[in-house]
Amino acid sequence: MKQLFGTYFIGIALSVFLLTVSVFIIAATGNIKYQGIIENTDILMIILLTGGFMIQGAAEEILCRGDCFARA
């Protein structure tokens, strides 16, 4: 079980890295441009949505690939 959580966090780190690289490449080619922060951004809503997406993604992985728990 301990190894399972370790690999889960390695997967999170790898996905953050790959997403960062992808955004950097898109920005370097000029396809997107950073225009600053919107003044009326609801930070609490962004945090809540990010947490919700993380929970949803983890639940989807467990549902679709849950057989790894049975073998552990």
PDB file of N, CA and C in Angstrom:
ATOM      1  N   MET A   1       0.822  -1.192   0.000  1.00  0.00           N
ATOM      2  CA  MET A   1       0.000   0.000   0.000  1.00  0.00           C
ATOM      3  C   MET A   1       0.868   1.258   0.000  1.00  0.00           C
ATOM      4  N   LYS A   2       1.960   1.260   0.749  1.00  0.00           N
ATOM      5  CA  LYS A   2       2.853   2.413   0.807  1.00  0.00           C
ATOM      6  C   LYS A   2       3.466   2.688  -0.565  1.00  0.00           C
ATOM      7  N   GLN A   3       3.832   1.644  -1.278  1.00  0.00           N
ATOM      8  CA  GLN A   3       4.406   1.801  -2.611  1.00  0.00           C
ATOM      9  C   GLN A   3       3.369   2.384  -3.574  1.00  0.00           C
ATOM     10  N   LEU A   4       2.106   1.996  -3.392  1.00  0.00           N
ATOM     11  CA  LEU A   4       1.034   2.475  -4.257  1.00  0.00           C
ATOM     12  C   LEU A   4       0.892   3.987  -4.148  1.00  0.00           C
ATOM     13  N   PHE A   5       0.903   4.531  -2.929  1.00  0.00           N
ATOM     14  CA  PHE A   5       0.792   5.974  -2.761  1.00  0.00           C
ATOM     15  C   PHE A   5       2.038   6.682  -3.285  1.00  0.00           C
ATOM     16  N   GLY A   6       3.201   6.062  -3.151  1.00  0.00           N
ATOM     17  CA  GLY A   6       4.427   6.643  -3.695  1.00  0.00           C
ATOM     18  C   GLY A   6       4.354   6.783  -5.198  1.00  0.00           C
ATOM     19  N   THR A   7       3.858   5.765  -5.869  1.00  0.00           N
ATOM     20  CA  THR A   7       3.740   5.840  -7.327  1.00  0.00           C
ATOM     21  C   THR A   7       2.654   6.829  -7.730  1.00  0.00           C
ATOM     22  N   TYR A   8       1.635   6.995  -6.923  1.00  0.00           N
ATOM     23  CA  TYR A   8       0.588   7.972  -7.216  1.00  0.00           C
ATOM     24  C   TYR A   8       1.184   9.378  -7.223  1.00  0.00           C
ATOM     25  N   PHE A   9       2.004   9.701  -6.225  1.00  0.00           N
ATOM     26  CA  PHE A   9       2.607  11.027  -6.158  1.00  0.00           C
ATOM     27  C   PHE A   9       3.667  11.230  -7.237  1.00  0.00           C
ATOM     28  N   ILE A  10       4.339  10.183  -7.633  1.00  0.00           N
ATOM     29  CA  ILE A  10       5.267  10.273  -8.770  1.00  0.00           C
ATOM     30  C   ILE A  10       4.473  10.602 -10.036  1.00  0.00           C
ATOM     31  N   GLY A  11       3.318   9.992 -10.197  1.00  0.00           N
ATOM     32  CA  GLY A  11       2.455  10.287 -11.339  1.00  0.00           C
ATOM     33  C   GLY A  11       1.982  11.726 -11.341  1.00  0.00           C
ATOM     34  N   ILE A  12       1.635  12.254 -10.179  1.00  0.00           N
ATOM     35  CA  ILE A  12       1.224  13.653 -10.072  1.00  0.00           C
ATOM     36  C   ILE A  12       2.371  14.571 -10.483  1.00  0.00           C
ATOM     37  N   ALA A  13       3.566  14.312  -9.956  1.00  0.00           N
ATOM     38  CA  ALA A  13       4.722  15.143 -10.292  1.00  0.00           C
ATOM     39  C   ALA A  13       5.042  15.078 -11.779  1.00  0.00           C
ATOM     40  N   LEU A  14       4.965  13.897 -12.355  1.00  0.00           N
ATOM     41  CA  LEU A  14       5.246  13.739 -13.779  1.00  0.00           C
ATOM     42  C   LEU A  14       4.204  14.470 -14.622  1.00  0.00           C
ATOM     43  N   SER A  15       2.955  14.396 -14.238  1.00  0.00           N
ATOM     44  CA  SER A  15       1.918  15.081 -15.014  1.00  0.00           C
ATOM     45  C   SER A  15       2.055  16.596 -14.922  1.00  0.00           C
ATOM     46  N   VAL A  16       2.412  17.129 -13.756  1.00  0.00           N
ATOM     47  CA  VAL A  16       2.641  18.565 -13.619  1.00  0.00           C
ATOM     48  C   VAL A  16       3.825  18.987 -14.496  1.00  0.00           C
ATOM     49  N   PHE A  17       4.880  18.195 -14.496  1.00  0.00           N
ATOM     50  CA  PHE A  17       6.047  18.497 -15.326  1.00  0.00           C
ATOM     51  C   PHE A  17       5.689  18.505 -16.812  1.00  0.00           C
ATOM     52  N   LEU A  18       4.980  17.475 -17.265  1.00  0.00           N
ATOM     53  CA  LEU A  18       4.618  17.387 -18.685  1.00  0.00           C
ATOM     54  C   LEU A  18       3.677  18.512 -19.096  1.00  0.00           C
ATOM     55  N   LEU A  19       2.750  18.888 -18.231  1.00  0.00           N
ATOM     56  CA  LEU A  19       1.856  19.995 -18.535  1.00  0.00           C
ATOM     57  C   LEU A  19       2.636  21.304 -18.629  1.00  0.00           C
ATOM     58  N   THR A  20       3.588  21.500 -17.717  1.00  0.00           N
ATOM     59  CA  THR A  20       4.420  22.703 -17.740  1.00  0.00           C
ATOM     60  C   THR A  20       5.232  22.779 -19.026  1.00  0.00           C
ATOM     61  N   VAL A  21       5.826  21.673 -19.418  1.00  0.00           N
ATOM     62  CA  VAL A  21       6.608  21.640 -20.658  1.00  0.00           C
ATOM     63  C   VAL A  21       5.718  21.941 -21.859  1.00  0.00           C
ATOM     64  N   SER A  22       4.526  21.367 -21.883  1.00  0.00           N
ATOM     65  CA  SER A  22       3.600  21.600 -22.989  1.00  0.00           C
ATOM     66  C   SER A  22       3.214  23.072 -23.100  1.00  0.00           C
ATOM     67  N   VAL A  23       2.872  23.689 -21.986  1.00  0.00           N
ATOM     68  CA  VAL A  23       2.496  25.104 -21.992  1.00  0.00           C
ATOM     69  C   VAL A  23       3.682  25.961 -22.409  1.00  0.00           C
ATOM     70  N   PHE A  24       4.879  25.631 -21.939  1.00  0.00           N
ATOM     71  CA  PHE A  24       6.074  26.384 -22.327  1.00  0.00           C
ATOM     72  C   PHE A  24       6.305  26.310 -23.833  1.00  0.00           C
ATOM     73  N   ILE A  25       6.163  25.127 -24.407  1.00  0.00           N
ATOM     74  CA  ILE A  25       6.361  24.963 -25.855  1.00  0.00           C
ATOM     75  C   ILE A  25       5.315  25.769 -26.626  1.00  0.00           C
ATOM     76  N   ILE A  26       4.062  25.718 -26.193  1.00  0.00           N
ATOM     77  CA  ILE A  26       3.004  26.475 -26.864  1.00  0.00           C
ATOM     78  C   ILE A  26       3.281  27.978 -26.767  1.00  0.00           C
ATOM     79  N   ALA A  27       3.725  28.437 -25.594  1.00  0.00           N
ATOM     80  CA  ALA A  27       4.034  29.856 -25.417  1.00  0.00           C
ATOM     81  C   ALA A  27       5.263  30.258 -26.231  1.00  0.00           C
ATOM     82  N   ALA A  28       6.265  29.388 -26.303  1.00  0.00           N
ATOM     83  CA  ALA A  28       7.486  29.700 -27.046  1.00  0.00           C
ATOM     84  C   ALA A  28       7.226  29.813 -28.548  1.00  0.00           C
ATOM     85  N   THR A  29       6.243  29.087 -29.043  1.00  0.00           N
ATOM     86  CA  THR A  29       5.914  29.168 -30.469  1.00  0.00           C
ATOM     87  C   THR A  29       4.979  30.334 -30.773  1.00  0.00           C
ATOM     88  N   GLY A  30       4.531  31.053 -29.745  1.00  0.00           N
ATOM     89  CA  GLY A  30       3.700  32.236 -29.944  1.00  0.00           C
ATOM     90  C   GLY A  30       2.215  31.946 -30.104  1.00  0.00           C
ATOM     91  N   ASN A  31       1.790  30.747 -29.817  1.00  0.00           N
ATOM     92  CA  ASN A  31       0.382  30.411 -29.979  1.00  0.00           C
ATOM     93  C   ASN A  31      -0.490  30.880 -28.823  1.00  0.00           C
ATOM     94  N   ILE A  32       0.101  31.133 -27.652  1.00  0.00           N
ATOM     95  CA  ILE A  32      -0.615  31.760 -26.544  1.00  0.00           C
ATOM     96  C   ILE A  32       0.268  32.854 -25.976  1.00  0.00           C
ATOM     97  N   LYS A  33      -0.358  33.839 -25.366  1.00  0.00           N
ATOM     98  CA  LYS A  33       0.384  34.945 -24.769  1.00  0.00           C
ATOM     99  C   LYS A  33      -0.204  35.254 -23.405  1.00  0.00           C
ATOM    100  N   TYR A  34       0.656  35.540 -22.452  1.00  0.00           N
ATOM    101  CA  TYR A  34       0.243  35.920 -21.103  1.00  0.00           C
ATOM    102  C   TYR A  34      -0.067  37.407 -21.107  1.00  0.00           C
ATOM    103  N   GLN A  35      -1.283  37.772 -20.690  1.00  0.00           N
ATOM    104  CA  GLN A  35      -1.688  39.170 -20.706  1.00  0.00           C
ATOM    105  C   GLN A  35      -1.938  39.725 -19.309  1.00  0.00           C
ATOM    106  N   GLY A  36      -1.474  39.044 -18.296  1.00  0.00           N
ATOM    107  CA  GLY A  36      -1.621  39.536 -16.936  1.00  0.00           C
ATOM    108  C   GLY A  36      -2.741  38.848 -16.184  1.00  0.00           C
ATOM    109  N   ILE A  37      -2.902  39.257 -14.933  1.00  0.00           N
ATOM    110  CA  ILE A  37      -3.903  38.668 -14.054  1.00  0.00           C
ATOM    111  C   ILE A  37      -5.166  39.512 -14.098  1.00  0.00           C
ATOM    112  N   ILE A  38      -6.310  38.869 -14.190  1.00  0.00           N
ATOM    113  CA  ILE A  38      -7.588  39.574 -14.155  1.00  0.00           C
ATOM    114  C   ILE A  38      -7.791  40.098 -12.739  1.00  0.00           C
ATOM    115  N   GLU A  39      -8.196  41.344 -12.619  1.00  0.00           N
ATOM    116  CA  GLU A  39      -8.307  41.973 -11.297  1.00  0.00           C
ATOM    117  C   GLU A  39      -9.394  41.365 -10.418  1.00  0.00           C
ATOM    118  N   ASN A  40     -10.462  40.872 -11.003  1.00  0.00           N
ATOM    119  CA  ASN A  40     -11.566  40.340 -10.191  1.00  0.00           C
ATOM    120  C   ASN A  40     -11.580  38.814 -10.179  1.00  0.00           C
ATOM    121  N   THR A  41     -10.414  38.189 -10.151  1.00  0.00           N
ATOM    122  CA  THR A  41     -10.315  36.736 -10.118  1.00  0.00           C
ATOM    123  C   THR A  41     -10.767  36.209  -8.756  1.00  0.00           C
ATOM    124  N   ASP A  42     -11.630  35.219  -8.771  1.00  0.00           N
ATOM    125  CA  ASP A  42     -12.110  34.601  -7.539  1.00  0.00           C
ATOM    126  C   ASP A  42     -11.164  33.448  -7.181  1.00  0.00           C
ATOM    127  N   ILE A  43     -10.174  33.740  -6.356  1.00  0.00           N
ATOM    128  CA  ILE A  43      -9.139  32.766  -5.997  1.00  0.00           C
ATOM    129  C   ILE A  43      -9.750  31.563  -5.275  1.00  0.00           C
ATOM    130  N   LEU A  44     -10.710  31.802  -4.402  1.00  0.00           N
ATOM    131  CA  LEU A  44     -11.332  30.702  -3.673  1.00  0.00           C
ATOM    132  C   LEU A  44     -12.000  29.720  -4.635  1.00  0.00           C
ATOM    133  N   MET A  45     -12.677  30.228  -5.656  1.00  0.00           N
ATOM    134  CA  MET A  45     -13.331  29.359  -6.629  1.00  0.00           C
ATOM    135  C   MET A  45     -12.296  28.555  -7.413  1.00  0.00           C
ATOM    136  N   ILE A  46     -11.180  29.162  -7.758  1.00  0.00           N
ATOM    137  CA  ILE A  46     -10.116  28.448  -8.473  1.00  0.00           C
ATOM    138  C   ILE A  46      -9.563  27.321  -7.605  1.00  0.00           C
ATOM    139  N   ILE A  47      -9.344  27.590  -6.331  1.00  0.00           N
ATOM    140  CA  ILE A  47      -8.837  26.569  -5.413  1.00  0.00           C
ATOM    141  C   ILE A  47      -9.847  25.437  -5.271  1.00  0.00           C
ATOM    142  N   LEU A  48     -11.125  25.774  -5.114  1.00  0.00           N
ATOM    143  CA  LEU A  48     -12.159  24.751  -4.982  1.00  0.00           C
ATOM    144  C   LEU A  48     -12.279  23.902  -6.247  1.00  0.00           C
ATOM    145  N   LEU A  49     -12.244  24.537  -7.411  1.00  0.00           N
ATOM    146  CA  LEU A  49     -12.330  23.789  -8.661  1.00  0.00           C
ATOM    147  C   LEU A  49     -11.116  22.886  -8.859  1.00  0.00           C
ATOM    148  N   THR A  50      -9.930  23.383  -8.501  1.00  0.00           N
ATOM    149  CA  THR A  50      -8.723  22.570  -8.616  1.00  0.00           C
ATOM    150  C   THR A  50      -8.823  21.342  -7.717  1.00  0.00           C
ATOM    151  N   GLY A  51      -9.262  21.531  -6.487  1.00  0.00           N
ATOM    152  CA  GLY A  51      -9.453  20.399  -5.578  1.00  0.00           C
ATOM    153  C   GLY A  51     -10.488  19.419  -6.109  1.00  0.00           C
ATOM    154  N   GLY A  52     -11.567  19.944  -6.659  1.00  0.00           N
ATOM    155  CA  GLY A  52     -12.600  19.078  -7.230  1.00  0.00           C
ATOM    156  C   GLY A  52     -12.089  18.270  -8.404  1.00  0.00           C
ATOM    157  N   PHE A  53     -11.312  18.901  -9.278  1.00  0.00           N
ATOM    158  CA  PHE A  53     -10.747  18.183 -10.419  1.00  0.00           C
ATOM    159  C   PHE A  53      -9.762  17.107  -9.970  1.00  0.00           C
ATOM    160  N   MET A  54      -9.007  17.378  -8.909  1.00  0.00           N
ATOM    161  CA  MET A  54      -8.061  16.380  -8.401  1.00  0.00           C
ATOM    162  C   MET A  54      -8.817  15.175  -7.842  1.00  0.00           C
ATOM    163  N   ILE A  55      -9.873  15.427  -7.093  1.00  0.00           N
ATOM    164  CA  ILE A  55     -10.674  14.337  -6.534  1.00  0.00           C
ATOM    165  C   ILE A  55     -11.337  13.547  -7.652  1.00  0.00           C
ATOM    166  N   GLN A  56     -11.901  14.257  -8.635  1.00  0.00           N
ATOM    167  CA  GLN A  56     -12.560  13.588  -9.752  1.00  0.00           C
ATOM    168  C   GLN A  56     -11.582  12.738 -10.538  1.00  0.00           C
ATOM    169  N   GLY A  57     -10.388  13.263 -10.795  1.00  0.00           N
ATOM    170  CA  GLY A  57      -9.385  12.514 -11.549  1.00  0.00           C
ATOM    171  C   GLY A  57      -8.930  11.267 -10.811  1.00  0.00           C
ATOM    172  N   ALA A  58      -8.717  11.396  -9.512  1.00  0.00           N
ATOM    173  CA  ALA A  58      -8.299  10.241  -8.720  1.00  0.00           C
ATOM    174  C   ALA A  58      -9.409   9.188  -8.681  1.00  0.00           C
ATOM    175  N   ALA A  59     -10.652   9.637  -8.518  1.00  0.00           N
ATOM    176  CA  ALA A  59     -11.770   8.694  -8.483  1.00  0.00           C
ATOM    177  C   ALA A  59     -11.924   7.976  -9.821  1.00  0.00           C
ATOM    178  N   GLU A  60     -11.739   8.706 -10.911  1.00  0.00           N
ATOM    179  CA  GLU A  60     -11.836   8.091 -12.232  1.00  0.00           C
ATOM    180  C   GLU A  60     -10.751   7.045 -12.437  1.00  0.00           C
ATOM    181  N   GLU A  61      -9.542   7.342 -12.011  1.00  0.00           N
ATOM    182  CA  GLU A  61      -8.450   6.381 -12.146  1.00  0.00           C
ATOM    183  C   GLU A  61      -8.715   5.134 -11.308  1.00  0.00           C
ATOM    184  N   ILE A  62      -9.206   5.319 -10.104  1.00  0.00           N
ATOM    185  CA  ILE A  62      -9.509   4.164  -9.242  1.00  0.00           C
ATOM    186  C   ILE A  62     -10.641   3.342  -9.848  1.00  0.00           C
ATOM    187  N   LEU A  63     -11.658   4.020 -10.385  1.00  0.00           N
ATOM    188  CA  LEU A  63     -12.786   3.313 -10.986  1.00  0.00           C
ATOM    189  C   LEU A  63     -12.360   2.541 -12.235  1.00  0.00           C
ATOM    190  N   CYS A  64     -11.580   3.188 -13.106  1.00  0.00           N
ATOM    191  CA  CYS A  64     -11.211   2.567 -14.383  1.00  0.00           C
ATOM    192  C   CYS A  64     -10.023   1.618 -14.266  1.00  0.00           C
ATOM    193  N   ARG A  65      -9.146   1.865 -13.309  1.00  0.00           N
ATOM    194  CA  ARG A  65      -7.945   1.055 -13.175  1.00  0.00           C
ATOM    195  C   ARG A  65      -7.840   0.438 -11.778  1.00  0.00           C
ATOM    196  N   GLY A  66      -8.965   0.229 -11.165  1.00  0.00           N
ATOM    197  CA  GLY A  66      -9.022  -0.225  -9.780  1.00  0.00           C
ATOM    198  C   GLY A  66      -8.486  -1.620  -9.546  1.00  0.00           C
ATOM    199  N   ASP A  67      -8.196  -2.359 -10.600  1.00  0.00           N
ATOM    200  CA  ASP A  67      -7.700  -3.716 -10.412  1.00  0.00           C
ATOM    201  C   ASP A  67      -6.325  -3.734  -9.744  1.00  0.00           C
ATOM    202  N   CYS A  68      -5.592  -2.617  -9.777  1.00  0.00           N
ATOM    203  CA  CYS A  68      -4.281  -2.601  -9.123  1.00  0.00           C
ATOM    204  C   CYS A  68      -4.431  -2.717  -7.615  1.00  0.00           C
ATOM    205  N   PHE A  69      -5.568  -2.264  -7.064  1.00  0.00           N
ATOM    206  CA  PHE A  69      -5.794  -2.396  -5.627  1.00  0.00           C
ATOM    207  C   PHE A  69      -6.041  -3.854  -5.260  1.00  0.00           C
ATOM    208  N   ALA A  70      -6.689  -4.575  -6.145  1.00  0.00           N
ATOM    209  CA  ALA A  70      -6.981  -5.981  -5.881  1.00  0.00           C
ATOM    210  C   ALA A  70      -5.706  -6.816  -5.874  1.00  0.00           C
ATOM    211  N   ARG A  71      -4.722  -6.417  -6.675  1.00  0.00           N
ATOM    212  CA  ARG A  71      -3.466  -7.175  -6.756  1.00  0.00           C
ATOM    213  C   ARG A  71      -2.448  -6.779  -5.697  1.00  0.00           C
ATOM    214  N   ALA A  72      -2.625  -5.626  -5.075  1.00  0.00           N
ATOM    215  CA  ALA A  72      -1.641  -5.123  -4.121  1.00  0.00           C
ATOM    216  C   ALA A  72      -1.611  -5.918  -2.841  1.00  0.00           C
TER     217      ALA A  72
END
